[in-house]
Amino acid sequence: MNARLAALAGGVAVAAAGLLKLLRRRASFPVESPPGDPRADELRRKLAESRSVVGEQDEFETAETPIDAVEPVDVDERRRSLHERGRAAVDEMRRGNGE
């Protein structure tokens, strides 16, 4: 008797989940606003603008170098070069002050 009740409860739960999914799918379709609604027109304008920005972003990202195509950098060499440039800048500033 308990097995039958459990099977019935499971069937009801599955049916309820399917019905809920169907209702959510129908509710997700856009609802048309009445013509001339200024809020809807503003939202449509913003949506069209954002779509063009996404296209520009995709175009910009194609020009970027992918991370796996970047040549590895020797950190120690980079550090030495940076310190040398810093020392040269300090020396030049000191020469400019008359020291």
N, C-alpha and C. Protein backbone atom coordinates (compact mmCIF):
# COMPACT_ATOMS: atom_id res chain seq x y z
N MET A 1 0.82 -1.19 0.00
CA MET A 1 0.00 0.00 0.00
C MET A 1 0.87 1.26 0.00
N ASN A 2 1.95 1.29 0.79
CA ASN A 2 2.82 2.45 0.85
C ASN A 2 3.56 2.66 -0.46
N ALA A 3 3.91 1.59 -1.15
CA ALA A 3 4.60 1.70 -2.43
C ALA A 3 3.68 2.36 -3.47
N ARG A 4 2.41 2.01 -3.45
CA ARG A 4 1.47 2.61 -4.39
C ARG A 4 1.31 4.10 -4.10
N LEU A 5 1.24 4.45 -2.84
CA LEU A 5 1.09 5.86 -2.45
C LEU A 5 2.34 6.66 -2.86
N ALA A 6 3.50 6.07 -2.68
CA ALA A 6 4.75 6.72 -3.05
C ALA A 6 4.82 6.91 -4.57
N ALA A 7 4.41 5.92 -5.34
CA ALA A 7 4.41 6.02 -6.80
C ALA A 7 3.42 7.09 -7.26
N LEU A 8 2.27 7.16 -6.63
CA LEU A 8 1.27 8.17 -6.98
C LEU A 8 1.81 9.57 -6.66
N ALA A 9 2.43 9.73 -5.50
CA ALA A 9 2.98 11.02 -5.12
C ALA A 9 4.11 11.42 -6.08
N GLY A 10 4.93 10.48 -6.47
CA GLY A 10 6.01 10.76 -7.43
C GLY A 10 5.45 11.19 -8.78
N GLY A 11 4.40 10.52 -9.22
CA GLY A 11 3.78 10.87 -10.50
C GLY A 11 3.18 12.27 -10.46
N VAL A 12 2.55 12.60 -9.34
CA VAL A 12 1.97 13.94 -9.19
C VAL A 12 3.09 14.99 -9.20
N ALA A 13 4.20 14.71 -8.54
CA ALA A 13 5.32 15.65 -8.50
C ALA A 13 5.91 15.86 -9.89
N VAL A 14 6.07 14.80 -10.65
CA VAL A 14 6.61 14.91 -12.01
C VAL A 14 5.65 15.70 -12.89
N ALA A 15 4.36 15.45 -12.77
CA ALA A 15 3.37 16.17 -13.56
C ALA A 15 3.38 17.65 -13.20
N ALA A 16 3.49 17.96 -11.91
CA ALA A 16 3.51 19.36 -11.47
C ALA A 16 4.76 20.06 -12.00
N ALA A 17 5.89 19.39 -11.98
CA ALA A 17 7.13 19.98 -12.48
C ALA A 17 7.02 20.26 -13.98
N GLY A 18 6.44 19.32 -14.72
CA GLY A 18 6.26 19.52 -16.16
C GLY A 18 5.32 20.68 -16.45
N LEU A 19 4.25 20.78 -15.69
CA LEU A 19 3.30 21.87 -15.87
C LEU A 19 3.96 23.22 -15.55
N LEU A 20 4.74 23.25 -14.48
CA LEU A 20 5.43 24.48 -14.10
C LEU A 20 6.41 24.90 -15.19
N LYS A 21 7.13 23.94 -15.74
CA LYS A 21 8.08 24.25 -16.81
C LYS A 21 7.36 24.79 -18.04
N LEU A 22 6.25 24.20 -18.38
CA LEU A 22 5.45 24.66 -19.52
C LEU A 22 4.94 26.07 -19.30
N LEU A 23 4.47 26.36 -18.11
CA LEU A 23 3.97 27.70 -17.81
C LEU A 23 5.09 28.73 -17.84
N ARG A 24 6.25 28.39 -17.34
CA ARG A 24 7.38 29.32 -17.37
C ARG A 24 7.83 29.60 -18.80
N ARG A 25 7.81 28.57 -19.64
CA ARG A 25 8.21 28.75 -21.03
C ARG A 25 7.25 29.70 -21.73
N ARG A 26 5.96 29.56 -21.50
CA ARG A 26 4.98 30.44 -22.13
C ARG A 26 5.10 31.87 -21.60
N ALA A 27 5.43 32.02 -20.33
CA ALA A 27 5.53 33.35 -19.74
C ALA A 27 6.78 34.08 -20.20
N SER A 28 7.78 33.37 -20.72
CA SER A 28 9.03 34.02 -21.11
C SER A 28 8.94 34.71 -22.48
N PHE A 29 7.88 34.49 -23.25
CA PHE A 29 7.74 35.16 -24.52
C PHE A 29 7.47 36.64 -24.29
N PRO A 30 8.05 37.51 -25.09
CA PRO A 30 7.85 38.94 -24.88
C PRO A 30 6.40 39.33 -25.12
N VAL A 31 5.94 40.22 -24.30
CA VAL A 31 4.58 40.72 -24.43
C VAL A 31 4.65 42.03 -25.19
N GLU A 32 3.83 42.15 -26.19
CA GLU A 32 3.82 43.37 -26.99
C GLU A 32 3.20 44.50 -26.19
N SER A 33 3.84 45.65 -26.23
CA SER A 33 3.29 46.81 -25.55
C SER A 33 2.39 47.56 -26.52
N PRO A 34 1.49 48.34 -25.99
CA PRO A 34 0.62 49.11 -26.88
C PRO A 34 1.45 50.09 -27.72
N PRO A 35 1.04 50.36 -28.93
CA PRO A 35 1.81 51.28 -29.78
C PRO A 35 1.86 52.67 -29.15
N GLY A 36 3.02 53.30 -29.27
CA GLY A 36 3.16 54.65 -28.77
C GLY A 36 3.53 54.74 -27.30
N ASP A 37 3.84 53.61 -26.66
CA ASP A 37 4.25 53.63 -25.25
C ASP A 37 5.67 54.18 -25.20
N PRO A 38 5.90 55.34 -24.60
CA PRO A 38 7.24 55.94 -24.63
C PRO A 38 8.27 55.12 -23.87
N ARG A 39 7.87 54.43 -22.81
CA ARG A 39 8.82 53.60 -22.07
C ARG A 39 9.30 52.44 -22.93
N ALA A 40 8.37 51.83 -23.66
CA ALA A 40 8.74 50.70 -24.52
C ALA A 40 9.65 51.17 -25.65
N ASP A 41 9.34 52.34 -26.21
CA ASP A 41 10.19 52.86 -27.29
C ASP A 41 11.60 53.15 -26.78
N GLU A 42 11.71 53.69 -25.56
CA GLU A 42 13.02 53.96 -24.98
C GLU A 42 13.80 52.67 -24.75
N LEU A 43 13.12 51.64 -24.25
CA LEU A 43 13.77 50.35 -24.02
C LEU A 43 14.22 49.72 -25.33
N ARG A 44 13.41 49.83 -26.36
CA ARG A 44 13.79 49.29 -27.66
C ARG A 44 15.03 50.00 -28.21
N ARG A 45 15.08 51.34 -28.03
CA ARG A 45 16.23 52.11 -28.47
C ARG A 45 17.49 51.68 -27.72
N LYS A 46 17.38 51.50 -26.41
CA LYS A 46 18.54 51.07 -25.62
C LYS A 46 18.99 49.67 -26.01
N LEU A 47 18.02 48.79 -26.28
CA LEU A 47 18.36 47.43 -26.69
C LEU A 47 19.10 47.44 -28.03
N ALA A 48 18.63 48.22 -28.98
CA ALA A 48 19.29 48.30 -30.28
C ALA A 48 20.70 48.87 -30.12
N GLU A 49 20.85 49.85 -29.23
CA GLU A 49 22.17 50.44 -28.99
C GLU A 49 23.11 49.43 -28.36
N SER A 50 22.61 48.65 -27.42
CA SER A 50 23.47 47.66 -26.76
C SER A 50 23.88 46.56 -27.73
N ARG A 51 23.02 46.22 -28.65
CA ARG A 51 23.38 45.20 -29.64
C ARG A 51 24.51 45.69 -30.54
N SER A 52 24.51 46.96 -30.88
CA SER A 52 25.59 47.48 -31.71
C SER A 52 26.89 47.52 -30.92
N VAL A 53 26.81 47.80 -29.62
CA VAL A 53 28.01 47.81 -28.77
C VAL A 53 28.60 46.41 -28.69
N VAL A 54 27.76 45.39 -28.61
CA VAL A 54 28.24 44.01 -28.55
C VAL A 54 28.99 43.67 -29.84
N GLY A 55 28.48 44.12 -30.96
CA GLY A 55 29.17 43.88 -32.24
C GLY A 55 30.52 44.56 -32.27
N GLU A 56 30.59 45.79 -31.75
CA GLU A 56 31.86 46.50 -31.70
C GLU A 56 32.84 45.80 -30.76
N GLN A 57 32.33 45.28 -29.66
CA GLN A 57 33.18 44.58 -28.69
C GLN A 57 33.77 43.32 -29.32
N ASP A 58 32.95 42.57 -30.05
CA ASP A 58 33.45 41.38 -30.73
C ASP A 58 34.55 41.74 -31.73
N GLU A 59 34.34 42.84 -32.46
CA GLU A 59 35.33 43.28 -33.44
C GLU A 59 36.63 43.68 -32.73
N PHE A 60 36.51 44.35 -31.59
CA PHE A 60 37.69 44.77 -30.82
C PHE A 60 38.45 43.56 -30.30
N GLU A 61 37.73 42.57 -29.79
CA GLU A 61 38.37 41.40 -29.21
C GLU A 61 39.09 40.54 -30.25
N THR A 62 38.68 40.61 -31.50
CA THR A 62 39.37 39.83 -32.53
C THR A 62 40.77 40.37 -32.77
N ALA A 63 41.00 41.66 -32.46
CA ALA A 63 42.31 42.26 -32.66
C ALA A 63 43.27 41.95 -31.51
N GLU A 64 42.75 41.43 -30.41
CA GLU A 64 43.61 41.12 -29.27
C GLU A 64 44.40 39.84 -29.52
N THR A 65 45.55 39.76 -28.90
CA THR A 65 46.38 38.56 -29.01
C THR A 65 45.92 37.55 -27.97
N PRO A 66 45.58 36.35 -28.37
CA PRO A 66 45.16 35.34 -27.40
C PRO A 66 46.31 35.00 -26.45
N ILE A 67 45.98 34.62 -25.25
CA ILE A 67 46.99 34.37 -24.22
C ILE A 67 47.94 33.24 -24.61
N ASP A 68 47.45 32.24 -25.33
CA ASP A 68 48.33 31.14 -25.70
C ASP A 68 49.25 31.49 -26.87
N ALA A 69 49.03 32.66 -27.52
CA ALA A 69 49.89 33.07 -28.62
C ALA A 69 50.97 34.05 -28.18
N VAL A 70 50.92 34.48 -26.92
CA VAL A 70 51.90 35.43 -26.41
C VAL A 70 53.20 34.70 -26.10
N GLU A 71 54.30 35.33 -26.48
CA GLU A 71 55.60 34.73 -26.22
C GLU A 71 55.93 34.86 -24.74
N PRO A 72 56.51 33.83 -24.14
CA PRO A 72 56.85 33.92 -22.71
C PRO A 72 57.94 34.96 -22.47
N VAL A 73 57.85 35.63 -21.33
CA VAL A 73 58.79 36.68 -20.99
C VAL A 73 59.69 36.19 -19.86
N ASP A 74 60.98 36.46 -19.99
CA ASP A 74 61.92 36.13 -18.93
C ASP A 74 61.78 37.21 -17.86
N VAL A 75 61.27 36.83 -16.71
CA VAL A 75 60.96 37.78 -15.65
C VAL A 75 62.23 38.45 -15.14
N ASP A 76 63.30 37.70 -14.95
CA ASP A 76 64.54 38.29 -14.44
C ASP A 76 65.10 39.32 -15.42
N GLU A 77 65.06 39.01 -16.70
CA GLU A 77 65.55 39.96 -17.71
C GLU A 77 64.68 41.21 -17.72
N ARG A 78 63.39 41.02 -17.61
CA ARG A 78 62.46 42.16 -17.58
C ARG A 78 62.74 43.03 -16.35
N ARG A 79 62.96 42.41 -15.21
CA ARG A 79 63.24 43.14 -13.98
C ARG A 79 64.54 43.94 -14.11
N ARG A 80 65.60 43.30 -14.66
CA ARG A 80 66.88 43.99 -14.84
C ARG A 80 66.72 45.21 -15.76
N SER A 81 66.01 45.03 -16.84
CA SER A 81 65.79 46.11 -17.79
C SER A 81 65.05 47.27 -17.13
N LEU A 82 64.04 46.96 -16.33
CA LEU A 82 63.26 47.99 -15.66
C LEU A 82 64.13 48.75 -14.66
N HIS A 83 64.93 48.05 -13.90
CA HIS A 83 65.82 48.70 -12.94
C HIS A 83 66.84 49.59 -13.65
N GLU A 84 67.38 49.14 -14.77
CA GLU A 84 68.33 49.94 -15.52
C GLU A 84 67.69 51.23 -16.02
N ARG A 85 66.47 51.13 -16.53
CA ARG A 85 65.76 52.33 -16.99
C ARG A 85 65.48 53.27 -15.83
N GLY A 86 65.14 52.72 -14.67
CA GLY A 86 64.90 53.55 -13.49
C GLY A 86 66.16 54.26 -13.04
N ARG A 87 67.26 53.54 -13.00
CA ARG A 87 68.54 54.15 -12.60
C ARG A 87 68.94 55.25 -13.59
N ALA A 88 68.75 55.00 -14.87
CA ALA A 88 69.09 56.01 -15.88
C ALA A 88 68.23 57.25 -15.70
N ALA A 89 66.96 57.07 -15.38
CA ALA A 89 66.07 58.22 -15.17
C ALA A 89 66.51 59.01 -13.93
N VAL A 90 66.89 58.31 -12.85
CA VAL A 90 67.36 58.98 -11.64
C VAL A 90 68.64 59.74 -11.92
N ASP A 91 69.58 59.14 -12.65
CA ASP A 91 70.83 59.80 -12.99
C ASP A 91 70.58 61.07 -13.80
N GLU A 92 69.65 60.99 -14.74
CA GLU A 92 69.35 62.16 -15.57
C GLU A 92 68.71 63.27 -14.74
N MET A 93 67.85 62.91 -13.80
CA MET A 93 67.24 63.92 -12.95
C MET A 93 68.29 64.59 -12.06
N ARG A 94 69.22 63.79 -11.56
CA ARG A 94 70.28 64.36 -10.71
C ARG A 94 71.16 65.31 -11.51
N ARG A 95 71.47 64.94 -12.76
CA ARG A 95 72.28 65.82 -13.61
C ARG A 95 71.55 67.12 -13.91
N GLY A 96 70.24 67.06 -14.01
CA GLY A 96 69.43 68.26 -14.28
C GLY A 96 69.41 69.21 -13.10
N ASN A 97 69.59 68.72 -11.87
CA ASN A 97 69.61 69.56 -10.67
C ASN A 97 70.98 70.13 -10.39
N GLY A 98 71.98 69.78 -11.14
CA GLY A 98 73.32 70.29 -10.97
C GLY A 98 74.17 69.52 -9.98
N GLU A 99 73.79 68.32 -9.65
CA GLU A 99 74.56 67.50 -8.70
C GLU A 99 75.68 66.77 -9.39
